[in-house]
């Protein structure tokens, strides 16, 4: 694995970006001063693995629906009809999910640790901090294998255009608002939620924010 030392981002700079959870409880920096070099072939392998595994998760979900296995997964009966309704169009399945992988470098096989599609953990770090680390070190931020912000914006648009063209968003959008909310007092959740809110606004949605 190829690691490259970089100048770490200062706490002051991180806080200007809205990133306040930069120091762990033991006073060590949360954001590393190293980056990992990933070759184009390795990046393609991660991309292909994620897509293949995603299709496997979709097939597994379809099996649950077709065979009425909701109870076996601990899914409450009062959610079954909503799940079936949302499953009719893949646009409504989710906004995004995160694969956690092991391996993929130095010739090691890629192995799945988990697919997390429940919480927005690491969105801020991926969409903002990784970009800032490269930019502040005079590196090409566009060269990283990461288009999360643009992908999130496009997925918000798909909530309206469905299977249509993203460019037609304004034709179909009728002013619907999205309410974003998080628990008061948790700065990481709040900043991450507001980042998603900003992404939705960039897509063209009207939004509001309120604490739970």
N, C-alpha and C. Protein backbone atom coordinates (compact mmCIF):
# COMPACT_ATOMS: atom_id res chain seq x y z
N UNK A 1 0.85 -1.19 0.00
CA UNK A 1 0.00 0.00 0.00
C UNK A 1 0.88 1.24 0.00
N UNK A 2 0.62 2.15 -0.93
CA UNK A 2 1.41 3.37 -1.04
C UNK A 2 0.76 4.51 -0.26
N UNK A 3 1.49 4.99 0.74
CA UNK A 3 1.01 6.11 1.55
C UNK A 3 1.83 7.35 1.23
N UNK A 4 1.18 8.49 1.22
CA UNK A 4 1.87 9.76 0.96
C UNK A 4 1.58 10.71 2.11
N UNK A 5 2.64 11.24 2.71
CA UNK A 5 2.50 12.21 3.78
C UNK A 5 2.05 13.55 3.21
N UNK A 6 1.13 14.20 3.91
CA UNK A 6 0.68 15.52 3.51
C UNK A 6 0.69 16.44 4.73
N UNK A 7 0.58 17.72 4.48
CA UNK A 7 0.45 18.68 5.58
C UNK A 7 -0.97 18.59 6.13
N UNK A 8 -1.13 18.26 7.40
CA UNK A 8 -2.48 18.10 7.95
C UNK A 8 -3.24 19.42 7.97
N UNK A 9 -4.54 19.32 7.86
CA UNK A 9 -5.39 20.50 7.95
C UNK A 9 -5.46 20.95 9.41
N UNK A 10 -5.32 22.24 9.64
CA UNK A 10 -5.38 22.75 11.01
C UNK A 10 -6.81 22.66 11.54
N UNK A 11 -6.92 22.61 12.86
CA UNK A 11 -8.24 22.57 13.47
C UNK A 11 -9.05 23.81 13.10
N UNK A 12 -8.37 24.95 13.01
CA UNK A 12 -9.06 26.19 12.66
C UNK A 12 -9.65 26.11 11.25
N UNK A 13 -8.87 25.55 10.33
CA UNK A 13 -9.35 25.42 8.95
C UNK A 13 -10.51 24.43 8.89
N UNK A 14 -10.38 23.31 9.60
CA UNK A 14 -11.45 22.31 9.61
C UNK A 14 -12.75 22.91 10.14
N UNK A 15 -12.63 23.73 11.18
CA UNK A 15 -13.83 24.33 11.76
C UNK A 15 -14.45 25.36 10.83
N UNK A 16 -13.63 26.03 10.01
CA UNK A 16 -14.18 26.94 9.01
C UNK A 16 -15.03 26.18 7.99
N UNK A 17 -14.66 24.92 7.75
CA UNK A 17 -15.43 24.08 6.84
C UNK A 17 -16.68 23.51 7.50
N UNK A 18 -16.79 23.70 8.83
CA UNK A 18 -17.91 23.14 9.57
C UNK A 18 -17.62 21.80 10.20
N UNK A 19 -16.35 21.42 10.21
CA UNK A 19 -15.94 20.11 10.72
C UNK A 19 -15.37 20.28 12.12
N UNK A 20 -16.21 20.05 13.12
CA UNK A 20 -15.83 20.31 14.51
C UNK A 20 -15.40 19.05 15.27
N UNK A 21 -15.65 17.87 14.73
CA UNK A 21 -15.31 16.63 15.42
C UNK A 21 -13.94 16.11 14.93
N UNK A 22 -12.96 17.00 14.96
CA UNK A 22 -11.65 16.72 14.37
C UNK A 22 -10.65 16.10 15.34
N UNK A 23 -11.01 16.00 16.62
CA UNK A 23 -10.08 15.48 17.61
C UNK A 23 -10.76 14.38 18.42
N UNK A 24 -10.11 13.22 18.52
CA UNK A 24 -10.67 12.11 19.28
C UNK A 24 -10.56 12.35 20.77
N UNK A 25 -11.21 11.49 21.54
CA UNK A 25 -11.24 11.66 22.99
C UNK A 25 -9.85 11.64 23.61
N UNK A 26 -8.92 10.92 22.99
CA UNK A 26 -7.56 10.85 23.53
C UNK A 26 -6.66 11.95 22.99
N UNK A 27 -7.28 12.97 22.36
CA UNK A 27 -6.58 14.16 21.85
C UNK A 27 -5.79 13.90 20.57
N UNK A 28 -5.95 12.75 19.96
CA UNK A 28 -5.28 12.50 18.68
C UNK A 28 -6.16 13.02 17.54
N UNK A 29 -5.53 13.48 16.45
CA UNK A 29 -6.32 14.01 15.33
C UNK A 29 -7.17 12.92 14.68
N UNK A 30 -8.39 13.26 14.36
CA UNK A 30 -9.29 12.33 13.67
C UNK A 30 -8.91 12.23 12.19
N UNK A 31 -8.50 13.35 11.60
CA UNK A 31 -8.14 13.39 10.18
C UNK A 31 -6.65 13.08 10.04
N UNK A 32 -6.32 12.10 9.23
CA UNK A 32 -4.94 11.65 9.07
C UNK A 32 -4.09 12.67 8.30
N UNK A 33 -2.77 12.53 8.46
CA UNK A 33 -1.83 13.33 7.67
C UNK A 33 -1.22 12.48 6.55
N UNK A 34 -1.91 11.42 6.18
CA UNK A 34 -1.49 10.55 5.09
C UNK A 34 -2.67 10.28 4.15
N UNK A 35 -2.36 10.08 2.89
CA UNK A 35 -3.37 9.66 1.93
C UNK A 35 -2.88 8.39 1.25
N UNK A 36 -3.81 7.61 0.75
CA UNK A 36 -3.49 6.34 0.10
C UNK A 36 -3.55 6.53 -1.41
N UNK A 37 -2.48 6.11 -2.07
CA UNK A 37 -2.47 6.14 -3.54
C UNK A 37 -3.20 4.90 -4.05
N UNK A 38 -4.19 5.12 -4.88
CA UNK A 38 -4.96 4.03 -5.47
C UNK A 38 -4.82 4.13 -6.98
N UNK A 39 -4.42 3.03 -7.60
CA UNK A 39 -4.24 3.04 -9.05
C UNK A 39 -5.60 3.02 -9.74
N UNK A 40 -5.60 3.35 -11.02
CA UNK A 40 -6.85 3.32 -11.79
C UNK A 40 -7.45 1.93 -11.80
N UNK A 41 -6.60 0.91 -11.91
CA UNK A 41 -7.08 -0.48 -11.92
C UNK A 41 -7.70 -0.85 -10.58
N UNK A 42 -7.08 -0.41 -9.48
CA UNK A 42 -7.63 -0.69 -8.15
C UNK A 42 -8.95 0.03 -7.95
N UNK A 43 -9.02 1.28 -8.41
CA UNK A 43 -10.28 2.03 -8.30
C UNK A 43 -11.38 1.34 -9.09
N UNK A 44 -11.07 0.88 -10.30
CA UNK A 44 -12.06 0.18 -11.11
C UNK A 44 -12.53 -1.09 -10.42
N UNK A 45 -11.61 -1.79 -9.76
CA UNK A 45 -11.97 -3.03 -9.07
C UNK A 45 -12.93 -2.75 -7.91
N UNK A 46 -12.69 -1.67 -7.16
CA UNK A 46 -13.61 -1.29 -6.09
C UNK A 46 -14.99 -0.95 -6.67
N UNK A 47 -14.98 -0.22 -7.77
CA UNK A 47 -16.23 0.19 -8.41
C UNK A 47 -17.02 -1.03 -8.86
N UNK A 48 -16.35 -1.97 -9.50
CA UNK A 48 -17.02 -3.17 -9.99
C UNK A 48 -17.51 -4.04 -8.83
N UNK A 49 -16.72 -4.14 -7.77
CA UNK A 49 -17.14 -4.92 -6.61
C UNK A 49 -18.38 -4.32 -5.96
N UNK A 50 -18.39 -3.00 -5.82
CA UNK A 50 -19.55 -2.34 -5.21
C UNK A 50 -20.81 -2.57 -6.03
N UNK A 51 -20.70 -2.46 -7.34
CA UNK A 51 -21.87 -2.67 -8.20
C UNK A 51 -22.35 -4.11 -8.15
N UNK A 52 -21.41 -5.05 -8.17
CA UNK A 52 -21.79 -6.47 -8.12
C UNK A 52 -22.46 -6.81 -6.80
N UNK A 53 -21.89 -6.33 -5.71
CA UNK A 53 -22.48 -6.59 -4.40
C UNK A 53 -23.83 -5.90 -4.25
N UNK A 54 -23.95 -4.71 -4.80
CA UNK A 54 -25.23 -4.01 -4.73
C UNK A 54 -26.33 -4.83 -5.40
N UNK A 55 -26.03 -5.39 -6.57
CA UNK A 55 -27.01 -6.22 -7.27
C UNK A 55 -27.37 -7.45 -6.45
N UNK A 56 -26.43 -7.98 -5.70
CA UNK A 56 -26.71 -9.12 -4.83
C UNK A 56 -27.65 -8.73 -3.70
N UNK A 57 -27.44 -7.54 -3.13
CA UNK A 57 -28.34 -7.05 -2.09
C UNK A 57 -29.75 -6.83 -2.65
N UNK A 58 -29.83 -6.31 -3.86
CA UNK A 58 -31.14 -6.10 -4.50
C UNK A 58 -31.84 -7.44 -4.70
N UNK A 59 -31.11 -8.43 -5.17
CA UNK A 59 -31.69 -9.76 -5.39
C UNK A 59 -32.16 -10.36 -4.06
N UNK A 60 -31.38 -10.16 -3.00
CA UNK A 60 -31.77 -10.67 -1.69
C UNK A 60 -33.04 -10.00 -1.19
N UNK A 61 -33.14 -8.69 -1.39
CA UNK A 61 -34.34 -7.97 -0.98
C UNK A 61 -35.56 -8.45 -1.77
N UNK A 62 -35.38 -8.67 -3.06
CA UNK A 62 -36.47 -9.17 -3.88
C UNK A 62 -36.93 -10.55 -3.40
N UNK A 63 -35.98 -11.38 -2.98
CA UNK A 63 -36.30 -12.71 -2.46
C UNK A 63 -37.14 -12.59 -1.18
N UNK A 64 -36.79 -11.64 -0.33
CA UNK A 64 -37.56 -11.41 0.90
C UNK A 64 -38.99 -11.02 0.58
N UNK A 65 -39.16 -10.12 -0.39
CA UNK A 65 -40.49 -9.66 -0.76
C UNK A 65 -41.30 -10.77 -1.41
N UNK A 66 -40.69 -11.48 -2.35
CA UNK A 66 -41.39 -12.54 -3.08
C UNK A 66 -41.84 -13.67 -2.17
N UNK A 67 -41.07 -13.92 -1.12
CA UNK A 67 -41.35 -15.05 -0.23
C UNK A 67 -41.87 -14.62 1.14
N UNK A 68 -42.22 -13.34 1.26
CA UNK A 68 -42.82 -12.81 2.49
C UNK A 68 -42.00 -13.18 3.73
N UNK A 69 -40.72 -12.85 3.71
CA UNK A 69 -39.81 -13.21 4.79
C UNK A 69 -39.52 -12.04 5.72
N UNK A 70 -40.42 -11.08 5.77
CA UNK A 70 -40.20 -9.88 6.57
C UNK A 70 -40.02 -10.21 8.05
N UNK A 71 -40.84 -11.13 8.55
CA UNK A 71 -40.78 -11.48 9.97
C UNK A 71 -39.42 -12.05 10.34
N UNK A 72 -38.85 -12.87 9.44
CA UNK A 72 -37.55 -13.48 9.71
C UNK A 72 -36.45 -12.44 9.86
N UNK A 73 -36.64 -11.27 9.26
CA UNK A 73 -35.66 -10.19 9.36
C UNK A 73 -36.01 -9.18 10.44
N UNK A 74 -37.07 -9.44 11.19
CA UNK A 74 -37.45 -8.54 12.26
C UNK A 74 -38.10 -7.26 11.79
N UNK A 75 -38.67 -7.28 10.58
CA UNK A 75 -39.33 -6.09 10.03
C UNK A 75 -40.78 -6.06 10.51
N UNK A 76 -41.23 -5.00 11.18
CA UNK A 76 -42.60 -4.94 11.70
C UNK A 76 -43.64 -5.07 10.59
N UNK A 77 -44.74 -5.73 10.91
CA UNK A 77 -45.77 -6.00 9.91
C UNK A 77 -46.38 -4.71 9.35
N UNK A 78 -46.41 -3.65 10.17
CA UNK A 78 -47.04 -2.41 9.71
C UNK A 78 -46.19 -1.64 8.71
N UNK A 79 -44.98 -2.12 8.44
CA UNK A 79 -44.12 -1.48 7.44
C UNK A 79 -44.09 -2.23 6.12
N UNK A 80 -44.67 -3.41 6.10
CA UNK A 80 -44.56 -4.28 4.91
C UNK A 80 -45.16 -3.62 3.67
N UNK A 81 -46.36 -3.08 3.79
CA UNK A 81 -47.01 -2.46 2.62
C UNK A 81 -46.21 -1.27 2.11
N UNK A 82 -45.65 -0.48 3.03
CA UNK A 82 -44.84 0.67 2.61
C UNK A 82 -43.57 0.21 1.89
N UNK A 83 -42.98 -0.86 2.39
CA UNK A 83 -41.78 -1.39 1.74
C UNK A 83 -42.10 -1.87 0.33
N UNK A 84 -43.19 -2.60 0.20
CA UNK A 84 -43.57 -3.10 -1.13
C UNK A 84 -43.87 -1.95 -2.08
N UNK A 85 -44.53 -0.92 -1.58
CA UNK A 85 -44.85 0.23 -2.43
C UNK A 85 -43.58 0.95 -2.88
N UNK A 86 -42.66 1.16 -1.94
CA UNK A 86 -41.42 1.87 -2.29
C UNK A 86 -40.54 1.04 -3.22
N UNK A 87 -40.71 -0.27 -3.17
CA UNK A 87 -39.87 -1.16 -3.99
C UNK A 87 -40.28 -1.15 -5.45
N UNK A 88 -41.45 -0.59 -5.75
CA UNK A 88 -41.95 -0.62 -7.13
C UNK A 88 -41.08 0.21 -8.07
N UNK A 89 -40.37 1.21 -7.54
CA UNK A 89 -39.48 2.02 -8.37
C UNK A 89 -38.18 2.21 -7.62
N UNK A 90 -37.06 1.78 -8.22
CA UNK A 90 -35.79 1.79 -7.52
C UNK A 90 -35.33 3.19 -7.12
N UNK A 91 -35.89 4.23 -7.72
CA UNK A 91 -35.53 5.59 -7.34
C UNK A 91 -35.84 5.83 -5.87
N UNK A 92 -36.86 5.15 -5.35
CA UNK A 92 -37.32 5.39 -3.99
C UNK A 92 -36.63 4.48 -2.96
N UNK A 93 -35.70 3.66 -3.39
CA UNK A 93 -35.09 2.72 -2.45
C UNK A 93 -34.26 3.43 -1.39
N UNK A 94 -33.44 4.36 -1.81
CA UNK A 94 -32.57 5.06 -0.87
C UNK A 94 -31.89 6.22 -1.60
N UNK A 95 -31.28 7.08 -0.83
CA UNK A 95 -30.50 8.18 -1.41
C UNK A 95 -29.07 7.74 -1.69
N UNK A 96 -28.52 6.99 -0.78
CA UNK A 96 -27.16 6.46 -0.95
C UNK A 96 -26.90 5.42 0.12
N UNK A 97 -25.82 4.68 -0.05
CA UNK A 97 -25.35 3.73 0.95
C UNK A 97 -23.83 3.70 0.92
N UNK A 98 -23.23 3.11 1.94
CA UNK A 98 -21.77 3.07 2.02
C UNK A 98 -21.29 1.63 2.18
N UNK A 99 -20.46 1.19 1.26
CA UNK A 99 -19.81 -0.10 1.39
C UNK A 99 -18.51 0.06 2.18
N UNK A 100 -18.30 -0.79 3.16
CA UNK A 100 -17.02 -0.87 3.86
C UNK A 100 -16.29 -2.11 3.36
N UNK A 101 -15.14 -1.90 2.74
CA UNK A 101 -14.36 -2.99 2.16
C UNK A 101 -13.05 -3.19 2.92
N UNK A 102 -12.56 -4.42 2.88
CA UNK A 102 -11.19 -4.73 3.27
C UNK A 102 -10.49 -5.27 2.03
N UNK A 103 -9.18 -5.06 1.95
CA UNK A 103 -8.43 -5.56 0.80
C UNK A 103 -8.53 -4.62 -0.39
N UNK A 104 -8.18 -5.17 -1.55
CA UNK A 104 -8.24 -4.39 -2.78
C UNK A 104 -6.94 -3.72 -3.17
N UNK A 105 -5.95 -3.74 -2.26
CA UNK A 105 -4.64 -3.16 -2.53
C UNK A 105 -3.57 -4.25 -2.39
N UNK A 106 -2.45 -4.03 -3.04
CA UNK A 106 -1.33 -4.98 -2.98
C UNK A 106 -1.73 -6.38 -3.41
N UNK A 107 -2.67 -6.46 -4.34
CA UNK A 107 -3.08 -7.75 -4.86
C UNK A 107 -4.02 -8.55 -3.97
N UNK A 108 -4.44 -7.97 -2.86
CA UNK A 108 -5.33 -8.69 -1.95
C UNK A 108 -6.77 -8.60 -2.45
N UNK A 109 -7.55 -9.68 -2.29
CA UNK A 109 -8.93 -9.66 -2.77
C UNK A 109 -9.79 -8.68 -1.98
N UNK A 110 -10.79 -8.14 -2.62
CA UNK A 110 -11.73 -7.24 -1.96
C UNK A 110 -12.74 -8.06 -1.18
N UNK A 111 -12.92 -7.73 0.07
CA UNK A 111 -13.90 -8.42 0.90
C UNK A 111 -14.84 -7.40 1.53
N UNK A 112 -16.11 -7.77 1.60
CA UNK A 112 -17.12 -6.88 2.16
C UNK A 112 -17.15 -6.99 3.68
N UNK A 113 -17.09 -5.86 4.35
CA UNK A 113 -17.28 -5.82 5.80
C UNK A 113 -18.75 -5.56 6.10
N UNK A 114 -19.32 -4.51 5.51
CA UNK A 114 -20.74 -4.24 5.67
C UNK A 114 -21.21 -3.26 4.60
N UNK A 115 -22.52 -3.26 4.39
CA UNK A 115 -23.16 -2.25 3.55
C UNK A 115 -24.05 -1.44 4.47
N UNK A 116 -23.70 -0.19 4.68
CA UNK A 116 -24.42 0.67 5.61
C UNK A 116 -25.27 1.65 4.82
N UNK A 117 -26.57 1.40 4.82
CA UNK A 117 -27.50 2.28 4.11
C UNK A 117 -28.49 2.92 5.07
N UNK A 118 -28.14 2.93 6.36
CA UNK A 118 -29.05 3.46 7.38
C UNK A 118 -28.68 4.86 7.86
N UNK A 119 -27.39 5.15 7.93
CA UNK A 119 -26.95 6.41 8.52
C UNK A 119 -26.01 7.15 7.57
N UNK A 120 -25.92 8.47 7.71
CA UNK A 120 -25.07 9.26 6.81
C UNK A 120 -23.63 9.39 7.30
N UNK A 121 -23.15 8.42 8.08
CA UNK A 121 -21.79 8.49 8.61
C UNK A 121 -20.76 8.62 7.50
N UNK A 122 -19.80 9.51 7.69
CA UNK A 122 -18.65 9.72 6.80
C UNK A 122 -18.98 10.50 5.54
N UNK A 123 -20.20 11.02 5.42
CA UNK A 123 -20.53 11.82 4.24
C UNK A 123 -19.72 13.12 4.22
N UNK A 124 -19.67 13.81 5.33
CA UNK A 124 -18.95 15.08 5.40
C UNK A 124 -17.47 14.87 5.09
N UNK A 125 -16.90 13.83 5.70
CA UNK A 125 -15.49 13.55 5.48
C UNK A 125 -15.19 13.25 4.01
N UNK A 126 -16.08 12.48 3.39
CA UNK A 126 -15.86 12.07 2.00
C UNK A 126 -16.09 13.21 1.03
N UNK A 127 -17.19 13.92 1.20
CA UNK A 127 -17.57 14.95 0.22
C UNK A 127 -16.80 16.25 0.38
N UNK A 128 -16.37 16.57 1.60
CA UNK A 128 -15.74 17.87 1.86
C UNK A 128 -14.27 17.75 2.27
N UNK A 129 -14.00 16.96 3.30
CA UNK A 129 -12.66 16.94 3.89
C UNK A 129 -11.63 16.33 2.94
N UNK A 130 -11.98 15.25 2.27
CA UNK A 130 -11.02 14.65 1.33
C UNK A 130 -10.63 15.65 0.24
N UNK A 131 -11.61 16.35 -0.26
CA UNK A 131 -11.35 17.38 -1.28
C UNK A 131 -10.43 18.47 -0.72
N UNK A 132 -10.70 18.91 0.51
CA UNK A 132 -9.91 19.98 1.12
C UNK A 132 -8.47 19.54 1.38
N UNK A 133 -8.28 18.28 1.77
CA UNK A 133 -6.93 17.78 2.04
C UNK A 133 -6.06 17.88 0.80
N UNK A 134 -6.61 17.53 -0.35
CA UNK A 134 -5.84 17.60 -1.59
C UNK A 134 -5.62 19.05 -2.01
N UNK A 135 -6.68 19.84 -1.94
CA UNK A 135 -6.59 21.24 -2.38
C UNK A 135 -5.56 22.02 -1.58
N UNK A 136 -5.58 21.86 -0.26
CA UNK A 136 -4.67 22.61 0.60
C UNK A 136 -3.23 22.13 0.49
N UNK A 137 -3.03 20.95 -0.10
CA UNK A 137 -1.68 20.44 -0.31
C UNK A 137 -1.22 20.60 -1.75
N UNK A 138 -1.94 21.44 -2.50
CA UNK A 138 -1.54 21.74 -3.87
C UNK A 138 -1.67 20.58 -4.82
N UNK A 139 -2.56 19.65 -4.51
CA UNK A 139 -2.76 18.47 -5.35
C UNK A 139 -4.07 18.61 -6.12
N UNK A 140 -4.23 17.81 -7.14
CA UNK A 140 -5.41 17.88 -7.98
C UNK A 140 -6.58 17.19 -7.29
N UNK A 141 -7.48 17.98 -6.71
CA UNK A 141 -8.60 17.39 -5.98
C UNK A 141 -9.54 16.62 -6.89
N UNK A 142 -9.50 16.93 -8.19
CA UNK A 142 -10.38 16.23 -9.14
C UNK A 142 -9.88 14.83 -9.47
N UNK A 143 -8.65 14.51 -9.05
CA UNK A 143 -8.08 13.21 -9.41
C UNK A 143 -8.46 12.10 -8.43
N UNK A 144 -9.13 12.45 -7.34
CA UNK A 144 -9.50 11.41 -6.39
C UNK A 144 -10.68 10.60 -6.91
N UNK A 145 -10.75 9.35 -6.46
CA UNK A 145 -11.83 8.45 -6.86
C UNK A 145 -13.04 8.72 -5.96
N UNK A 146 -13.69 9.85 -6.22
CA UNK A 146 -14.73 10.31 -5.30
C UNK A 146 -15.59 11.37 -5.98
N UNK A 147 -16.83 11.05 -6.26
CA UNK A 147 -17.76 12.04 -6.82
C UNK A 147 -19.04 12.07 -5.99
N UNK A 148 -18.89 11.89 -4.68
CA UNK A 148 -20.05 11.73 -3.81
C UNK A 148 -21.00 12.91 -3.88
N UNK A 149 -20.47 14.13 -3.80
CA UNK A 149 -21.36 15.30 -3.76
C UNK A 149 -22.22 15.37 -5.02
N UNK A 150 -21.60 15.20 -6.17
CA UNK A 150 -22.34 15.25 -7.43
C UNK A 150 -23.35 14.12 -7.52
N UNK A 151 -22.97 12.95 -7.04
CA UNK A 151 -23.87 11.79 -7.09
C UNK A 151 -25.08 12.01 -6.19
N UNK A 152 -24.87 12.59 -5.01
CA UNK A 152 -25.98 12.89 -4.11
C UNK A 152 -26.93 13.90 -4.74
N UNK A 153 -26.38 14.94 -5.34
CA UNK A 153 -27.21 15.95 -6.00
C UNK A 153 -28.05 15.32 -7.09
N UNK A 154 -27.45 14.45 -7.89
CA UNK A 154 -28.18 13.80 -8.98
C UNK A 154 -29.27 12.87 -8.44
N UNK A 155 -28.99 12.18 -7.32
CA UNK A 155 -30.00 11.29 -6.76
C UNK A 155 -31.18 12.07 -6.18
N UNK A 156 -30.93 13.26 -5.65
CA UNK A 156 -32.05 14.10 -5.23
C UNK A 156 -32.92 14.46 -6.44
N UNK A 157 -32.30 14.78 -7.55
CA UNK A 157 -33.07 15.09 -8.76
C UNK A 157 -33.90 13.90 -9.22
N UNK A 158 -33.36 12.70 -9.05
CA UNK A 158 -34.07 11.50 -9.49
C UNK A 158 -35.34 11.25 -8.69
N UNK A 159 -35.43 11.83 -7.49
CA UNK A 159 -36.68 11.72 -6.73
C UNK A 159 -37.84 12.35 -7.48
N UNK A 160 -37.53 13.27 -8.38
CA UNK A 160 -38.55 13.97 -9.15
C UNK A 160 -38.64 13.44 -10.58
N UNK A 161 -37.50 13.30 -11.25
CA UNK A 161 -37.54 12.89 -12.66
C UNK A 161 -37.71 11.39 -12.81
N UNK A 162 -37.54 10.64 -11.72
CA UNK A 162 -37.64 9.18 -11.73
C UNK A 162 -36.67 8.61 -12.77
N UNK A 163 -37.19 7.96 -13.79
CA UNK A 163 -36.33 7.34 -14.79
C UNK A 163 -36.01 8.29 -15.95
N UNK A 164 -36.45 9.55 -15.83
CA UNK A 164 -36.23 10.52 -16.90
C UNK A 164 -34.85 11.15 -16.84
N UNK A 165 -34.66 12.18 -17.65
CA UNK A 165 -33.38 12.86 -17.73
C UNK A 165 -33.24 13.87 -16.59
N UNK A 166 -32.05 13.93 -16.01
CA UNK A 166 -31.81 14.86 -14.91
C UNK A 166 -32.02 16.30 -15.33
N UNK A 167 -31.74 16.59 -16.59
CA UNK A 167 -31.89 17.96 -17.10
C UNK A 167 -33.34 18.43 -17.09
N UNK A 168 -34.28 17.50 -16.95
CA UNK A 168 -35.70 17.84 -16.98
C UNK A 168 -36.26 18.10 -15.58
N UNK A 169 -35.40 18.20 -14.57
CA UNK A 169 -35.86 18.38 -13.20
C UNK A 169 -36.81 19.56 -13.08
N UNK A 170 -36.44 20.71 -13.64
CA UNK A 170 -37.26 21.92 -13.50
C UNK A 170 -38.63 21.78 -14.15
N UNK A 171 -38.75 20.90 -15.13
CA UNK A 171 -40.04 20.69 -15.80
C UNK A 171 -41.03 19.98 -14.89
N UNK A 172 -40.52 19.11 -14.03
CA UNK A 172 -41.40 18.27 -13.21
C UNK A 172 -41.48 18.72 -11.75
N UNK A 173 -40.52 19.52 -11.31
CA UNK A 173 -40.51 19.94 -9.92
C UNK A 173 -41.61 20.96 -9.67
N UNK A 174 -42.46 20.70 -8.68
CA UNK A 174 -43.60 21.56 -8.39
C UNK A 174 -43.49 22.23 -7.02
N UNK A 175 -42.26 22.45 -6.58
CA UNK A 175 -42.07 23.21 -5.34
C UNK A 175 -42.13 22.41 -4.07
N UNK A 176 -42.10 21.08 -4.16
CA UNK A 176 -42.13 20.26 -2.95
C UNK A 176 -40.94 20.58 -2.07
N UNK A 177 -41.16 20.63 -0.76
CA UNK A 177 -40.10 20.93 0.20
C UNK A 177 -39.64 19.64 0.88
N UNK A 178 -38.36 19.61 1.21
CA UNK A 178 -37.81 18.52 2.00
C UNK A 178 -37.43 19.07 3.36
N UNK A 179 -37.93 18.44 4.42
CA UNK A 179 -37.58 18.83 5.78
C UNK A 179 -36.42 17.96 6.26
N UNK A 180 -35.32 18.58 6.59
CA UNK A 180 -34.17 17.88 7.14
C UNK A 180 -34.14 18.10 8.64
N UNK A 181 -33.83 17.06 9.40
CA UNK A 181 -33.83 17.21 10.85
C UNK A 181 -32.76 16.33 11.47
N UNK A 182 -32.28 16.76 12.63
CA UNK A 182 -31.32 15.98 13.40
C UNK A 182 -31.53 16.30 14.88
N UNK A 183 -30.91 15.49 15.73
CA UNK A 183 -31.04 15.69 17.17
C UNK A 183 -30.21 16.90 17.59
N UNK A 184 -30.80 17.79 18.35
CA UNK A 184 -30.09 18.97 18.84
C UNK A 184 -28.96 18.55 19.77
N UNK A 185 -27.82 19.21 19.64
CA UNK A 185 -26.70 18.93 20.53
C UNK A 185 -25.67 17.98 19.96
N UNK A 186 -25.96 17.34 18.84
CA UNK A 186 -24.99 16.46 18.20
C UNK A 186 -24.46 17.16 16.96
N UNK A 187 -23.29 17.78 17.08
CA UNK A 187 -22.79 18.63 16.01
C UNK A 187 -22.47 17.84 14.75
N UNK A 188 -21.98 16.61 14.90
CA UNK A 188 -21.67 15.80 13.71
C UNK A 188 -22.93 15.49 12.92
N UNK A 189 -23.98 15.06 13.61
CA UNK A 189 -25.23 14.76 12.92
C UNK A 189 -25.81 16.01 12.27
N UNK A 190 -25.75 17.13 13.00
CA UNK A 190 -26.32 18.37 12.47
C UNK A 190 -25.59 18.83 11.21
N UNK A 191 -24.26 18.87 11.26
CA UNK A 191 -23.49 19.34 10.11
C UNK A 191 -23.64 18.40 8.92
N UNK A 192 -23.71 17.10 9.19
CA UNK A 192 -23.89 16.14 8.10
C UNK A 192 -25.26 16.30 7.47
N UNK A 193 -26.28 16.47 8.31
CA UNK A 193 -27.63 16.65 7.81
C UNK A 193 -27.74 17.94 6.99
N UNK A 194 -27.10 19.00 7.46
CA UNK A 194 -27.16 20.26 6.73
C UNK A 194 -26.36 20.19 5.42
N UNK A 195 -25.36 19.33 5.37
CA UNK A 195 -24.66 19.11 4.10
C UNK A 195 -25.60 18.45 3.09
N UNK A 196 -26.37 17.47 3.55
CA UNK A 196 -27.36 16.84 2.68
C UNK A 196 -28.41 17.86 2.25
N UNK A 197 -28.79 18.75 3.17
CA UNK A 197 -29.74 19.80 2.84
C UNK A 197 -29.19 20.70 1.74
N UNK A 198 -27.92 21.08 1.85
CA UNK A 198 -27.30 21.93 0.84
C UNK A 198 -27.26 21.22 -0.51
N UNK A 199 -27.00 19.92 -0.47
CA UNK A 199 -26.97 19.15 -1.71
C UNK A 199 -28.34 19.14 -2.38
N UNK A 200 -29.39 18.99 -1.57
CA UNK A 200 -30.75 19.01 -2.11
C UNK A 200 -31.07 20.38 -2.71
N UNK A 201 -30.63 21.44 -2.05
CA UNK A 201 -30.87 22.79 -2.59
C UNK A 201 -30.11 22.99 -3.90
N UNK A 202 -28.90 22.45 -3.98
CA UNK A 202 -28.14 22.53 -5.23
C UNK A 202 -28.85 21.77 -6.35
N UNK A 203 -29.58 20.74 -5.98
CA UNK A 203 -30.33 19.98 -6.97
C UNK A 203 -31.55 20.75 -7.46
N UNK A 204 -32.02 21.71 -6.63
CA UNK A 204 -33.17 22.52 -7.03
C UNK A 204 -34.35 22.46 -6.08
N UNK A 205 -34.21 21.72 -4.98
CA UNK A 205 -35.31 21.59 -4.02
C UNK A 205 -35.38 22.79 -3.08
N UNK A 206 -36.58 23.09 -2.63
CA UNK A 206 -36.77 23.99 -1.51
C UNK A 206 -36.67 23.14 -0.25
N UNK A 207 -35.99 23.64 0.77
CA UNK A 207 -35.77 22.84 1.97
C UNK A 207 -35.98 23.66 3.22
N UNK A 208 -36.11 22.93 4.33
CA UNK A 208 -36.13 23.54 5.66
C UNK A 208 -35.38 22.61 6.60
N UNK A 209 -34.92 23.17 7.70
CA UNK A 209 -34.24 22.37 8.72
C UNK A 209 -34.90 22.62 10.07
N UNK A 210 -35.05 21.56 10.86
CA UNK A 210 -35.59 21.69 12.22
C UNK A 210 -35.02 20.57 13.07
N UNK A 211 -34.79 20.86 14.33
CA UNK A 211 -34.31 19.81 15.24
C UNK A 211 -35.44 18.86 15.57
N UNK A 212 -35.08 17.61 15.83
CA UNK A 212 -36.07 16.61 16.23
C UNK A 212 -36.61 16.98 17.60
